[in-house]
Protein backbone atom coordinates (compact mmCIF):
# COMPACT_ATOMS: atom_id res chain seq x y z
CA MET A 1 -142.56 -73.22 84.95
CA ILE A 2 -140.56 -74.27 82.63
CA THR A 3 -142.67 -75.87 79.73
CA ASP A 4 -141.52 -78.40 77.65
CA LYS A 5 -141.71 -76.21 74.18
CA PRO A 6 -139.04 -73.63 74.73
CA LYS A 7 -140.23 -69.57 74.17
CA ILE A 8 -137.57 -68.81 72.15
CA SER A 9 -134.76 -70.66 70.03
CA VAL A 10 -131.49 -69.25 69.29
CA VAL A 11 -129.19 -70.92 66.12
CA PHE A 12 -125.84 -69.57 64.80
CA SER A 13 -123.09 -70.56 62.73
CA THR A 14 -119.67 -70.97 64.60
CA ARG A 15 -116.26 -72.45 63.44
CA LYS A 16 -115.97 -74.44 66.96
CA VAL A 17 -118.87 -74.12 69.25
CA ASP A 18 -117.70 -71.54 72.50
CA ASN A 19 -119.36 -72.55 75.53
CA THR A 20 -118.75 -69.52 77.07
CA PHE A 21 -120.74 -67.96 74.35
CA VAL A 22 -123.82 -70.33 74.82
CA ASP A 23 -123.79 -69.54 78.39
CA HIS A 24 -123.55 -65.76 77.82
CA VAL A 25 -126.93 -66.36 75.34
CA LYS A 26 -128.42 -68.36 77.98
CA LYS A 27 -127.93 -65.90 80.98
CA THR A 28 -128.88 -62.69 78.88
CA CYS A 29 -132.02 -63.91 77.01
CA MET A 30 -134.08 -65.00 80.02
CA TYR A 31 -131.99 -67.48 82.11
CA LYS A 32 -134.69 -70.10 81.25
CA GLY A 33 -137.14 -71.18 78.61
CA VAL A 34 -134.30 -70.67 75.72
CA GLU A 35 -132.95 -73.57 73.12
CA VAL A 36 -129.41 -72.39 71.47
CA ILE A 37 -128.59 -74.70 68.40
CA ALA A 38 -125.47 -74.14 67.47
CA TYR A 39 -124.11 -75.44 64.04
CA GLU A 40 -120.21 -76.04 63.77
CA ASN A 41 -119.60 -75.22 59.85
CA ASN A 42 -116.17 -74.77 58.65
CA ASN A 43 -117.42 -73.14 55.30
CA GLU A 44 -118.95 -76.37 54.19
CA TYR A 45 -122.50 -74.76 54.10
CA SER A 46 -123.48 -70.87 53.31
CA LEU A 47 -125.32 -68.89 56.32
CA ALA A 48 -128.55 -69.65 54.43
CA GLU A 49 -128.46 -73.34 54.21
CA LEU A 50 -127.55 -73.74 57.72
CA TYR A 51 -130.76 -70.97 59.07
CA ASN A 52 -132.78 -72.84 56.59
CA ARG A 53 -131.98 -76.19 58.99
CA GLY A 54 -132.35 -73.70 61.96
CA LEU A 55 -135.70 -73.15 61.02
CA ASP A 56 -136.59 -76.65 60.18
CA GLU A 57 -135.07 -77.62 63.41
CA ALA A 58 -135.73 -75.04 66.45
CA ASN A 59 -138.43 -76.36 68.70
CA SER A 60 -139.66 -72.69 68.98
CA ASP A 61 -141.59 -70.33 66.87
CA ILE A 62 -139.26 -67.22 67.25
CA VAL A 63 -136.11 -68.12 66.11
CA ILE A 64 -133.37 -65.72 66.57
CA PHE A 65 -130.59 -65.54 64.31
CA CYS A 66 -127.47 -63.86 64.80
CA HIS A 67 -123.71 -64.30 64.75
CA ASP A 68 -121.35 -65.79 67.15
CA ASP A 69 -119.27 -62.76 68.01
CA ILE A 70 -121.20 -60.59 69.88
CA ILE A 71 -122.09 -59.61 73.27
CA PHE A 72 -125.75 -58.28 74.40
CA GLU A 73 -125.80 -55.89 76.44
CA THR A 74 -128.98 -55.98 77.22
CA LYS A 75 -130.67 -58.31 79.60
CA ASN A 76 -134.07 -60.22 79.41
CA TRP A 77 -133.65 -59.41 75.94
CA GLY A 78 -135.42 -62.73 74.75
CA GLU A 79 -138.62 -61.64 77.09
CA LYS A 80 -138.35 -57.83 74.97
CA VAL A 81 -138.49 -60.43 71.84
CA ILE A 82 -141.47 -62.07 72.60
CA LYS A 83 -143.45 -59.43 73.80
CA HIS A 84 -142.41 -57.49 70.50
CA PHE A 85 -144.04 -60.20 68.53
CA GLU A 86 -146.64 -60.35 70.79
CA LYS A 87 -148.02 -56.94 70.82
CA ASN A 88 -147.13 -56.15 67.09
CA PRO A 89 -148.66 -59.56 65.13
CA GLU A 90 -148.29 -58.03 62.16
CA TYR A 91 -144.62 -58.38 62.05
CA GLY A 92 -142.69 -61.85 61.20
CA ILE A 93 -138.87 -60.58 61.05
CA LEU A 94 -137.15 -58.56 63.64
CA GLY A 95 -133.41 -56.67 63.71
CA VAL A 96 -131.66 -54.16 65.45
CA ALA A 97 -130.53 -52.40 62.27
CA GLY A 98 -131.93 -51.44 58.70
CA THR A 99 -133.35 -49.46 56.15
CA ASP A 100 -136.56 -48.06 54.89
CA HIS A 101 -135.23 -47.82 51.83
CA MET A 102 -133.04 -49.32 49.42
CA ILE A 103 -132.04 -48.33 46.48
CA ASP A 104 -129.53 -51.61 45.53
CA GLY A 105 -127.99 -54.17 47.52
CA ARG A 106 -125.97 -52.27 49.94
CA TRP A 107 -128.70 -51.64 52.75
CA TRP A 108 -126.72 -48.67 53.81
CA SER A 109 -126.27 -46.85 51.04
CA ILE A 110 -128.61 -44.14 52.14
CA ARG A 111 -127.25 -42.73 55.53
CA ASN A 112 -130.52 -40.93 56.06
CA SER A 113 -132.91 -43.84 55.96
CA MET A 114 -130.35 -46.71 58.16
CA HIS A 115 -131.98 -46.90 61.32
CA GLY A 116 -130.84 -48.77 65.00
CA THR A 117 -128.26 -48.45 67.53
CA VAL A 118 -124.80 -51.05 67.16
CA LYS A 119 -121.99 -50.74 69.25
CA HIS A 120 -118.66 -52.09 67.76
CA THR A 121 -115.24 -52.84 68.99
CA ASP A 122 -111.70 -53.82 67.45
CA GLY A 123 -110.48 -55.34 70.71
CA VAL A 124 -108.97 -51.56 71.34
CA LYS A 125 -111.49 -49.36 71.42
CA VAL A 126 -114.98 -49.20 71.75
CA TRP A 127 -117.82 -47.06 69.46
CA THR A 128 -121.49 -46.80 68.85
CA ASN A 129 -123.04 -46.37 65.60
CA LYS A 130 -126.36 -44.78 66.28
CA TYR A 131 -128.45 -44.49 63.03
CA SER A 132 -131.58 -42.76 64.19
CA GLU A 133 -133.04 -41.61 67.81
CA SER A 134 -134.19 -44.79 69.54
CA TYR A 135 -138.48 -45.82 68.91
CA GLY A 136 -138.30 -47.16 72.81
CA ASN A 137 -140.84 -50.14 73.03
CA GLN A 138 -141.94 -49.21 69.64
CA ILE A 139 -141.27 -51.24 65.97
CA LYS A 140 -140.41 -49.24 62.96
CA GLU A 141 -141.02 -50.76 59.52
CA MET A 142 -137.78 -51.42 57.65
CA VAL A 143 -137.39 -52.52 54.12
CA THR A 144 -134.69 -54.86 55.50
CA ILE A 145 -132.93 -55.56 57.80
CA ASP A 146 -128.85 -56.39 59.04
CA GLY A 147 -128.21 -59.98 59.42
CA LEU A 148 -126.08 -59.42 62.67
CA PHE A 149 -129.53 -60.43 64.43
CA ILE A 150 -132.67 -61.68 62.94
CA ALA A 151 -135.45 -62.12 64.89
CA VAL A 152 -137.94 -64.47 63.38
CA ASN A 153 -141.37 -65.76 63.86
CA ARG A 154 -141.60 -68.74 62.20
CA GLU A 155 -145.67 -68.71 61.88
CA LYS A 156 -145.77 -65.26 60.16
CA ILE A 157 -142.89 -65.36 57.56
CA LYS A 158 -144.03 -66.48 53.66
CA ASN A 159 -140.63 -67.15 52.04
CA ARG A 160 -137.22 -68.67 53.68
CA PHE A 161 -133.78 -68.06 53.24
CA ASN A 162 -132.42 -68.00 49.71
CA GLU A 163 -129.54 -70.71 49.18
CA SER A 164 -128.61 -69.25 45.72
CA PHE A 165 -126.71 -67.07 47.42
CA GLU A 166 -123.47 -68.51 48.61
CA GLY A 167 -120.86 -68.08 51.41
CA PHE A 168 -121.38 -65.69 54.58
CA HIS A 169 -123.12 -62.89 52.68
CA PHE A 170 -126.36 -61.70 51.38
CA TYR A 171 -128.65 -64.63 53.65
CA ASP A 172 -129.94 -61.53 55.46
CA ILE A 173 -131.15 -59.01 52.71
CA PRO A 174 -133.20 -61.38 49.81
CA PHE A 175 -134.45 -63.26 53.22
CA CYS A 176 -136.07 -59.93 54.41
CA PHE A 177 -136.93 -58.35 50.48
CA ASP A 178 -139.02 -61.99 49.85
CA ASN A 179 -140.97 -61.41 53.13
CA HIS A 180 -141.33 -57.81 53.08
CA LEU A 181 -142.46 -58.22 49.32
CA SER A 182 -144.86 -61.15 50.03
CA GLY A 183 -146.66 -58.59 52.73
CA VAL A 184 -144.43 -59.61 56.11
CA LYS A 185 -143.72 -56.62 57.98
CA VAL A 186 -139.77 -56.94 59.32
CA GLY A 187 -139.51 -54.08 61.63
CA LEU A 188 -136.62 -52.65 63.78
CA ILE A 189 -136.39 -52.60 67.39
CA SER A 190 -134.58 -50.46 70.19
CA ASN A 191 -134.53 -51.64 73.04
CA ILE A 192 -132.12 -54.32 72.59
CA LEU A 193 -128.43 -53.18 72.67
CA LEU A 194 -126.06 -55.27 71.08
CA LEU A 195 -121.76 -54.88 70.62
CA HIS A 196 -120.45 -56.37 67.57
CA LYS A 197 -116.95 -57.46 68.33
CA SER A 198 -116.00 -56.78 64.54
CA VAL A 199 -115.40 -53.99 62.16
CA GLY A 200 -117.86 -55.28 59.69
CA GLN A 201 -116.20 -55.42 56.23
CA THR A 202 -117.50 -56.54 52.51
CA ASN A 203 -115.21 -58.97 50.37
CA GLU A 204 -115.25 -60.53 46.77
CA THR A 205 -117.98 -62.91 47.68
CA TRP A 206 -120.60 -60.06 48.79
CA GLU A 207 -119.39 -57.81 46.01
CA THR A 208 -120.59 -60.92 43.73
CA ASN A 209 -123.78 -61.37 45.54
CA LYS A 210 -124.87 -58.26 45.47
CA VAL A 211 -124.36 -57.60 41.96
CA LYS A 212 -126.57 -61.48 42.12
CA PHE A 213 -129.06 -59.30 44.50
CA GLU A 214 -129.76 -56.34 42.11
CA GLY A 215 -130.09 -58.13 39.03
CA LEU A 216 -132.53 -60.70 40.47
CA TYR A 217 -134.48 -57.26 41.86
CA SER A 218 -134.01 -54.81 39.50
CA ASN A 219 -137.58 -54.08 38.98
CA LYS A 220 -138.23 -53.46 42.71
CA LEU A 221 -135.27 -50.92 43.02
CA PRO A 222 -135.30 -48.68 44.07
CA ILE A 223 -137.63 -49.44 47.15
CA CYS A 224 -138.60 -46.96 49.87
CA LEU A 225 -141.06 -46.48 53.00
CA ASN A 226 -140.89 -42.81 53.72
CA GLU A 227 -142.05 -40.01 52.74
CA ASN A 228 -139.10 -39.81 50.58
CA SER A 229 -140.43 -42.11 47.72
CA HIS A 230 -140.78 -39.74 45.09
CA ILE A 231 -137.10 -39.31 45.10
CA ILE A 232 -134.74 -41.08 42.32
CA PHE A 233 -131.73 -42.12 42.54
CA ASP A 234 -130.51 -42.00 38.37
CA LYS A 235 -127.75 -43.72 37.25
CA ALA A 236 -128.21 -42.52 34.03
CA LEU A 237 -126.98 -38.78 35.61
CA PRO A 238 -123.13 -37.94 36.13
CA LYS A 239 -122.84 -37.57 40.11
CA VAL A 240 -124.32 -34.08 41.26
CA HIS A 241 -122.98 -32.91 44.51
CA MET A 242 -123.99 -29.65 45.90
CA HIS A 243 -123.03 -27.28 48.25
CA VAL A 244 -125.36 -24.55 49.72
CA LEU A 245 -125.60 -22.46 53.10
CA CYS A 246 -128.52 -22.61 55.78
CA TRP A 247 -130.14 -20.67 57.90
CA ASN A 248 -133.58 -20.99 59.38
CA GLU A 249 -134.60 -21.61 55.70
CA GLU A 250 -137.79 -23.77 56.93
CA LYS A 251 -140.07 -22.10 54.10
CA ILE A 252 -138.07 -22.44 50.97
CA ILE A 253 -136.47 -25.90 52.44
CA PRO A 254 -139.34 -28.30 50.80
CA PHE A 255 -139.39 -26.26 47.39
CA PHE A 256 -135.43 -26.63 47.05
CA LEU A 257 -135.26 -30.14 47.73
CA GLU A 258 -138.24 -30.18 45.36
CA HIS A 259 -136.34 -28.35 42.71
CA TYR A 260 -132.95 -30.59 42.66
CA GLU A 261 -133.34 -33.73 44.81
CA ASN A 262 -133.73 -35.61 41.41
CA TYR A 263 -131.00 -34.74 39.46
CA VAL A 264 -128.19 -34.47 42.36
CA ASP A 265 -126.51 -37.70 43.82
CA LYS A 266 -126.03 -35.30 47.62
CA ILE A 267 -127.07 -32.50 48.83
CA ILE A 268 -124.47 -31.07 51.88
CA VAL A 269 -125.86 -28.08 53.68
CA TYR A 270 -124.21 -25.94 55.43
CA ASP A 271 -126.35 -24.73 58.73
CA ASN A 272 -125.57 -21.61 60.63
CA LYS A 273 -127.03 -22.99 63.97
CA SER A 274 -130.53 -22.60 62.55
CA ASN A 275 -132.97 -22.44 65.16
CA ASP A 276 -136.38 -23.39 63.09
CA ASN A 277 -137.45 -26.98 61.54
CA SER A 278 -134.48 -26.31 58.60
CA VAL A 279 -132.44 -29.35 59.96
CA LYS A 280 -135.08 -31.60 61.20
CA LEU A 281 -136.05 -31.09 57.47
CA LEU A 282 -132.84 -30.90 55.92
CA ARG A 283 -131.79 -34.77 57.98
CA LYS A 284 -135.21 -36.37 57.21
CA HIS A 285 -134.25 -35.71 53.39
CA PRO A 286 -132.19 -39.09 52.14
CA LYS A 287 -129.59 -36.97 50.37
CA THR A 288 -128.84 -34.73 52.34
CA LEU A 289 -125.62 -33.97 54.63
CA VAL A 290 -126.16 -31.39 56.85
CA VAL A 291 -122.69 -29.47 58.51
CA PRO A 292 -122.93 -27.21 61.11
CA TYR A 293 -121.01 -24.29 61.35
CA ASP A 294 -121.39 -21.12 63.89
CA THR A 295 -120.88 -17.50 63.37
CA LYS A 296 -122.15 -16.68 66.99
CA GLY A 297 -126.14 -15.38 65.43
CA GLU A 298 -124.06 -12.84 62.78
CA ILE A 299 -124.26 -12.51 59.21
CA ARG A 300 -120.74 -13.27 58.71
CA ASP A 301 -119.80 -13.01 54.75
CA ASP A 302 -116.39 -13.85 55.55
CA ALA A 303 -117.03 -17.07 56.83
CA TYR A 304 -120.06 -17.86 53.96
CA LEU A 305 -117.33 -16.86 51.45
CA GLN A 306 -114.59 -19.15 52.79
CA ILE A 307 -117.26 -22.50 53.09
CA LYS A 308 -118.09 -21.56 49.40
CA ASN A 309 -114.40 -20.82 48.04
CA ASN A 310 -113.78 -24.42 50.12
CA ALA A 311 -115.91 -26.87 50.91
CA TRP A 312 -116.97 -28.17 46.99
CA LYS A 313 -113.46 -29.52 46.96
CA ASN A 314 -114.27 -31.98 49.08
CA SER A 315 -116.32 -33.67 46.20
CA VAL A 316 -112.77 -34.31 43.68
CA ASN A 317 -113.12 -37.62 43.96
CA GLU A 318 -116.52 -38.19 44.23
CA ALA A 319 -118.86 -35.65 41.84
CA ASP A 320 -118.43 -35.23 38.38
CA ILE A 321 -120.38 -31.45 38.37
CA VAL A 322 -120.95 -29.38 41.86
CA ILE A 323 -123.13 -26.72 42.26
CA VAL A 324 -122.22 -24.06 45.18
CA CYS A 325 -125.44 -21.86 45.85
CA ASP A 326 -127.92 -20.48 48.35
CA MET A 327 -131.05 -21.35 49.38
CA ASP A 328 -132.98 -19.48 47.65
CA GLU A 329 -130.62 -19.91 43.78
CA PHE A 330 -132.79 -22.52 41.53
CA LEU A 331 -131.02 -23.47 37.80
CA TYR A 332 -133.77 -23.79 35.79
CA VAL A 333 -133.72 -25.08 32.36
CA ASP A 334 -136.62 -26.86 29.91
CA ASP A 335 -135.16 -30.40 30.92
CA PHE A 336 -132.74 -29.49 33.64
CA LYS A 337 -131.36 -34.20 33.35
CA LYS A 338 -130.29 -33.67 29.22
CA TYR A 339 -128.75 -30.11 30.65
CA ILE A 340 -126.65 -31.78 32.91
CA ILE A 341 -125.71 -34.96 30.47
CA ASP A 342 -124.99 -32.74 27.73
CA PHE A 343 -122.67 -29.90 30.30
CA TYR A 344 -121.16 -33.46 31.40
CA ASN A 345 -120.61 -34.58 27.91
CA SER A 346 -119.80 -31.71 26.65
CA ASP A 347 -115.18 -30.51 27.23
CA SER A 348 -116.78 -27.31 28.74
CA THR A 349 -115.86 -27.08 32.31
CA ILE A 350 -118.23 -23.97 34.19
CA VAL A 351 -121.47 -23.25 33.57
CA LYS A 352 -122.50 -19.18 33.64
CA PRO A 353 -126.30 -18.59 33.91
CA GLU A 354 -128.41 -15.48 33.27
CA GLY A 355 -129.76 -14.03 36.87
CA TYR A 356 -133.13 -13.02 37.47
CA ASP A 357 -134.87 -12.33 40.93
CA MET A 358 -138.39 -13.88 41.11
CA ILE A 359 -141.03 -11.58 42.45
CA ILE A 360 -144.66 -11.70 43.62
CA GLU A 361 -146.78 -9.19 45.43
CA LYS A 362 -149.02 -11.78 47.52
CA PHE A 363 -147.57 -15.65 48.26
CA ASN A 364 -149.23 -18.61 50.23
CA PHE A 365 -146.28 -21.83 50.70
CA ASP A 366 -148.14 -24.24 48.75
CA TYR A 367 -145.86 -27.48 48.87
CA ASP A 368 -148.16 -29.10 46.61
CA HIS A 369 -146.95 -27.10 43.73
CA LYS A 370 -143.14 -26.49 42.07
CA LEU A 371 -141.86 -22.92 42.90
CA THR A 372 -141.23 -22.55 39.73
CA ASP A 373 -144.45 -23.57 38.64
CA ILE A 374 -146.17 -21.27 41.16
CA VAL A 375 -143.77 -18.05 40.70
CA LYS A 376 -142.43 -17.41 37.22
CA THR A 377 -142.34 -13.39 36.63
CA GLY A 378 -139.15 -11.65 37.79
CA PHE A 379 -136.76 -9.37 36.13
CA ARG A 380 -133.23 -9.59 34.93
CA ASN A 381 -129.98 -8.77 37.77
CA SER A 382 -126.16 -9.56 35.97
CA LEU A 383 -125.68 -9.95 39.69
CA PHE A 384 -127.51 -13.42 39.87
CA ASP A 385 -124.77 -14.31 36.34
CA LYS A 386 -123.32 -16.88 39.38
CA LEU A 387 -120.36 -19.26 38.44
CA VAL A 388 -122.42 -21.94 40.23
CA MET A 389 -121.90 -24.93 38.47
CA PHE A 390 -118.86 -26.30 37.41
CA LYS A 391 -116.37 -29.63 36.93
CA PRO A 392 -114.42 -29.80 40.18
CA LYS A 393 -111.54 -31.99 38.93
CA ASN A 394 -111.10 -29.05 36.21
CA ILE A 395 -111.41 -26.16 38.17
CA LYS A 396 -108.99 -25.71 40.71
CA SER A 397 -110.32 -22.60 42.06
CA ILE A 398 -114.02 -20.91 42.34
CA ASN A 399 -112.13 -17.43 43.46
CA PHE A 400 -115.86 -16.38 44.55
CA ASN A 401 -115.92 -12.46 45.93
CA PHE A 402 -118.39 -11.46 49.04
CA GLY A 403 -121.76 -12.40 48.01
CA CYS A 404 -120.24 -14.80 44.86
CA HIS A 405 -121.49 -12.15 42.65
CA VAL A 406 -118.04 -12.52 40.80
CA ALA A 407 -115.83 -15.25 40.35
CA ALA A 408 -112.32 -15.63 38.96
CA PRO A 409 -111.91 -19.43 38.05
CA MET A 410 -108.55 -21.36 37.69
CA GLY A 411 -107.81 -24.43 35.69
CA ASP A 412 -109.06 -26.10 32.48
CA VAL A 413 -111.73 -22.84 32.24
CA LYS A 414 -114.11 -23.25 29.11
CA TYR A 415 -117.79 -22.48 29.58
CA PHE A 416 -120.66 -23.76 28.07
CA ASN A 417 -122.43 -22.08 25.65
CA GLU A 418 -125.74 -23.76 26.47
CA PRO A 419 -128.40 -20.79 28.48
CA ILE A 420 -129.34 -22.09 31.62
CA LYS A 421 -131.11 -19.17 34.09
CA LEU A 422 -130.58 -18.70 37.98
CA LEU A 423 -133.56 -17.70 39.93
CA HIS A 424 -133.66 -15.54 42.80
CA TYR A 425 -136.40 -16.19 44.99
CA LYS A 426 -136.20 -13.86 47.92
CA ARG A 427 -139.12 -11.78 47.06
CA LEU A 428 -141.85 -14.65 47.61
CA GLY A 429 -144.47 -11.83 48.54
CA LEU A 430 -144.33 -8.93 50.68
CA ASP A 431 -144.87 -9.73 54.12
CA TYR A 432 -142.15 -13.04 53.24
CA PHE A 433 -139.46 -10.34 52.05
CA LEU A 434 -139.89 -7.92 54.67
CA ASN A 435 -139.41 -10.28 57.51
CA ARG A 436 -136.16 -11.96 56.19
CA MET A 437 -135.23 -8.38 55.70
CA SER A 438 -135.87 -7.57 59.68
CA ILE A 439 -134.30 -10.62 60.93
CA TYR A 440 -131.00 -10.25 58.84
CA LYS A 441 -130.81 -6.18 59.95
CA LYS A 442 -130.34 -7.83 63.67
CA ARG A 443 -127.81 -10.13 62.58
CA ILE A 444 -125.86 -8.47 60.85
CA SER A 445 -122.16 -8.17 61.31
CA ASP A 446 -119.62 -5.62 62.98
CA PHE A 447 -117.37 -7.63 59.89
CA ASN A 448 -120.26 -6.52 57.56
CA LYS A 449 -120.72 -3.27 58.52
CA LYS A 450 -117.18 -2.62 58.08
CA ASN A 451 -117.04 -3.84 54.80
CA LYS A 452 -120.25 -2.36 53.79
CA LEU A 453 -122.14 -6.22 52.91
CA GLY A 454 -125.30 -6.47 53.21
CA PHE A 455 -125.67 -2.74 54.00
CA GLU A 456 -129.51 -2.91 52.32
CA TYR A 457 -130.66 -4.87 55.06
CA ALA A 458 -130.15 -1.37 57.28
CA PHE A 459 -132.81 0.32 55.33
CA PRO A 460 -135.85 0.99 57.33
CA LYS A 461 -139.23 -1.00 56.49
CA GLU A 462 -140.37 1.46 54.33
CA GLU A 463 -137.57 1.77 51.87
CA HIS A 464 -137.78 -1.97 52.00
CA SER A 465 -141.61 -1.41 50.65
CA GLU A 466 -141.15 1.19 48.25
CA LYS A 467 -138.46 -0.39 46.56
CA PHE A 468 -140.16 -3.76 46.17
CA TYR A 469 -143.60 -2.51 44.77
CA SER A 470 -140.82 -0.75 42.14
CA GLU A 471 -139.37 -3.96 41.35
CA LEU A 472 -142.91 -5.76 40.77
CA ASP A 473 -143.61 -3.10 38.00
CA LYS A 474 -140.51 -4.36 36.52
CA LYS A 475 -141.63 -7.80 36.40
CA ASP A 476 -142.04 -9.91 33.60
CA PHE A 477 -142.99 -13.58 32.65
CA ILE A 478 -139.45 -15.25 33.05
CA ILE A 479 -140.24 -18.48 32.67
C-alpha cells in the first residue's frame, strides 16, 4: 500500500533534468514510496543553498542528497537506507565513503583512515576504489562522509548545510563536521554500491573553500575516532619519510611506531611476506604504507640491499629528510623534534649516529610504556654507526654495503655534528633473542651462506646463550 507521505526523498542539483536519471533513481530505490526533487541549477545557487532548500521542501524525514552522475548498482537501496536508520537511531547522517580521522580540509589526506567502496568510470574504463573492507550490514562511525551520496535523517541532525561555502564544493564536509561536533553520529554503510561517472577533481574554488574550512575549524583539527588519536601531524616539522624493512615483527612494531610516529610524515614498510600480525598492525596506522616483496621465505641480503639503496629515492620530490632502517633500530636523542628541525635548517646533509646494542636479560612486551623507557642498558657497537638519516635532495646515492653497516654516500655530503644515538633492540630478553636466531637459521639463503652473510644465525643455541650473557656483563646505562 502506498502511503501519502513518501518513505524517502531524493534531492539533486542538475543543469538540466534528465528523466532517465529520475526513472533510474525511482526504479533502483524501491519502485514505490520515493520522492525525487530535482533542482535545475546553472550556477545560480551553491549546493549548500539548494540542499537546505531540499531539507525544507522534502516530504520525507529520510532525505538523500546525491550527484546526478551516479548509477545505483544496488537494487532496493532505499529500503537498505531506511533499515539502517531504523536499526541505528543514534545516526543522523550516512554515506558510502568517508574518514574517521581528519587533519585538514582534505578528507582523504590519510589513506589508511578512509573507508568505503566507490566505483568510477571515465567513459572508457571502470575501476573500483576500495578504501576499506566491507562492513556488511553494519555501520562504521565516521567524522565526515563524501558528498557523492549523503543520507540524512532530518529529525536527527542539528545543523544545516553551511551556505557560506560557495559553489559546488565543501557543502558536505562542514555539514558532517558540524553535526559530528554537535553529537550527531555520522556513519559509513557498505551495502550500497555506486558507480560515479566522474574521476573527481579539485579546482580553485575547492582550494579556497578548503582554506576557509581549515581556518574555521583550526581549533578542532586534527580529529580522530580510532585508536590512533594520539598521533600528531605536526606541521612545524619538515617532511620526514621512513623506509624500513619488515618480516614477522609483530612484537616490536608497536614500540617502533610509537617511537617514530609523531616525528615523521610517512612510514613506508617493505614487508617480506610476514605471516604473523605485522601487516595487520601496520595497515591500521594512518602514516604507514605497506609495500610487499617476496624472497620465497629466505633471508636474502641482496634483496634487502637493493631496497635500502634505492627505495628512498621515491621520496626525493616529497620528503626533506629520509630515514632508512630496520624495525629494531631506534634513533634516540632527548628532543628528537628539535634535532630534526636543527638538522633540516643546517647546511648538513647526512647524520652519523653512535650505535649501541641494547640488552636486557628478561623482558615482558609491555606496550603501555615506551621501549626506550623500559630498556635503557646496552653497550657500544660501532657496527651500528649507520648512516640512516639524510636529505634525499642532496644525497644522490647512499651506497650501503650488505647489512648497511658501511656506506659510501655520493652527492653533497656534509655531516651533521650534533650527536644522536642509534639503539639496536635485538636482545629483548634471552628467550626472544634465541627464538629469533632459531627462526633466522631456518630462513638463511644459499646466497647468504655463499657470501658469509648472517653466518652467526647458524650458531648453536648454547653459543648464542653464552654470547648473550657475556654481552650482558658489558652493559651499561646508555639512555
